[in-house]
């Protein structure tokens, strides 16, 4: 009797340890990560924003659109670099760390490689 219950208890412990993250946890982690990237973009993208504002003040619409596109591409590059480095090195981002979300391989429960 005890041996039969032990396997069920062990399965429930493993399931609790490796449960899937809830949608609200993922959304909150995304908001935290996006906030970190947004503020770092605000500090690092000063040159792009300066050029964009100069073009807007002087009335050069094509230059404004160009610097807007460069600013957007810089933001995307910063966002994907932030996620790649965080996930490859620590298997989590700071936002996911707060909500205890780890990136794991679903078949072996080990960390995924950079290629995955």
Protein backbone atom coordinates (compact mmCIF):
# COMPACT_ATOMS: atom_id res chain seq x y z
CA UNK A 1 0.00 0.00 0.00
CA UNK A 2 2.76 2.43 0.90
CA UNK A 3 4.77 1.58 -2.20
CA UNK A 4 1.78 2.24 -4.48
CA UNK A 5 1.21 5.67 -2.94
CA UNK A 6 4.90 6.54 -3.12
CA UNK A 7 4.91 6.59 -6.92
CA UNK A 8 1.87 8.90 -7.00
CA UNK A 9 3.43 11.23 -4.46
CA UNK A 10 6.68 11.27 -6.40
CA UNK A 11 4.82 12.07 -9.65
CA UNK A 12 2.97 14.95 -8.00
CA UNK A 13 6.24 16.38 -6.64
CA UNK A 14 7.86 16.20 -10.09
CA UNK A 15 4.77 17.73 -11.71
CA UNK A 16 4.74 20.58 -9.19
CA UNK A 17 8.43 21.20 -9.74
CA UNK A 18 8.17 21.23 -13.53
CA UNK A 19 4.76 22.79 -14.04
CA UNK A 20 4.02 25.04 -16.96
CA UNK A 21 4.01 28.75 -16.29
CA UNK A 22 0.65 30.46 -16.00
CA UNK A 23 -0.38 33.03 -18.59
CA UNK A 24 -0.47 35.84 -16.01
CA UNK A 25 3.05 35.02 -14.86
CA UNK A 26 4.28 35.11 -18.45
CA UNK A 27 2.52 38.41 -19.12
CA UNK A 28 3.95 40.01 -15.98
CA UNK A 29 7.43 38.71 -16.83
CA UNK A 30 7.08 40.16 -20.33
CA UNK A 31 6.09 43.55 -18.89
CA UNK A 32 9.12 43.55 -16.58
CA UNK A 33 11.49 42.54 -19.38
CA UNK A 34 9.97 45.09 -21.76
CA UNK A 35 10.37 47.79 -19.10
CA UNK A 36 14.06 46.96 -18.65
CA UNK A 37 14.65 47.06 -22.41
CA UNK A 38 12.59 50.25 -22.81
CA UNK A 39 14.57 52.18 -20.18
CA UNK A 40 17.91 50.89 -21.47
CA UNK A 41 16.81 51.92 -24.98
CA UNK A 42 15.96 55.36 -23.64
CA UNK A 43 19.48 55.79 -22.30
CA UNK A 44 21.42 54.06 -25.10
CA UNK A 45 19.43 55.42 -28.05
CA UNK A 46 20.05 59.08 -27.26
CA UNK A 47 21.92 59.76 -30.52
CA UNK A 48 19.16 58.26 -32.69
CA UNK A 49 16.47 60.22 -30.88
CA UNK A 50 18.49 63.42 -31.15
CA UNK A 51 18.86 63.04 -34.91
CA UNK A 52 15.17 62.18 -35.19
CA UNK A 53 14.14 65.30 -33.27
CA UNK A 54 16.45 67.54 -35.32
CA UNK A 55 14.93 66.19 -38.53
CA UNK A 56 11.41 66.76 -37.18
CA UNK A 57 12.15 70.35 -36.09
CA UNK A 58 13.81 71.26 -39.39
CA UNK A 59 10.94 69.75 -41.38
CA UNK A 60 12.77 66.96 -43.20
CA UNK A 61 10.12 64.25 -43.34
CA UNK A 62 12.28 61.68 -45.11
CA UNK A 63 15.12 62.13 -42.60
CA UNK A 64 12.61 61.88 -39.76
CA UNK A 65 11.22 58.60 -41.14
CA UNK A 66 14.75 57.27 -41.65
CA UNK A 67 15.81 58.03 -38.07
CA UNK A 68 12.51 56.66 -36.78
CA UNK A 69 13.21 53.39 -38.62
CA UNK A 70 16.80 53.30 -37.31
CA UNK A 71 15.51 53.92 -33.79
CA UNK A 72 12.96 51.10 -34.12
CA UNK A 73 15.55 48.67 -35.52
CA UNK A 74 17.91 49.58 -32.65
CA UNK A 75 15.11 48.83 -30.17
CA UNK A 76 14.42 45.42 -31.74
CA UNK A 77 18.12 44.59 -31.83
CA UNK A 78 18.47 45.53 -28.16
CA UNK A 79 15.36 43.51 -27.23
CA UNK A 80 16.47 40.33 -29.00
CA UNK A 81 20.05 40.65 -27.75
CA UNK A 82 18.76 41.06 -24.19
CA UNK A 83 16.64 37.92 -24.49
CA UNK A 84 19.26 35.83 -26.27
CA UNK A 85 22.00 36.61 -23.78
CA UNK A 86 19.71 36.13 -20.78
CA UNK A 87 18.24 32.85 -22.01
CA UNK A 88 21.51 31.41 -23.30
CA UNK A 89 23.52 32.24 -20.21
CA UNK A 90 21.02 31.93 -17.35
CA UNK A 91 18.04 30.06 -18.95
CA UNK A 92 15.83 32.89 -17.71
CA UNK A 93 15.42 36.63 -18.02
CA UNK A 94 15.19 38.94 -14.99
CA UNK A 95 11.42 39.21 -15.47
CA UNK A 96 11.04 35.44 -15.69
CA UNK A 97 13.35 35.00 -12.70
CA UNK A 98 11.02 37.08 -10.52
CA UNK A 99 8.13 34.74 -11.35
CA UNK A 100 10.30 31.59 -11.23
CA UNK A 101 9.93 30.72 -14.90
CA UNK A 102 12.81 28.67 -16.30
CA UNK A 103 13.37 27.60 -19.87
CA UNK A 104 13.59 23.81 -19.83
CA UNK A 105 13.61 21.00 -22.35
CA UNK A 106 10.20 19.34 -22.19
CA UNK A 107 11.54 15.81 -22.71
CA UNK A 108 14.43 15.72 -20.28
CA UNK A 109 13.76 18.64 -17.92
CA UNK A 110 17.27 19.91 -18.50
CA UNK A 111 18.34 23.28 -19.85
CA UNK A 112 18.11 23.81 -23.56
CA UNK A 113 21.14 24.48 -25.70
CA UNK A 114 21.80 27.70 -27.60
CA UNK A 115 20.83 26.02 -30.85
CA UNK A 116 17.38 25.16 -29.49
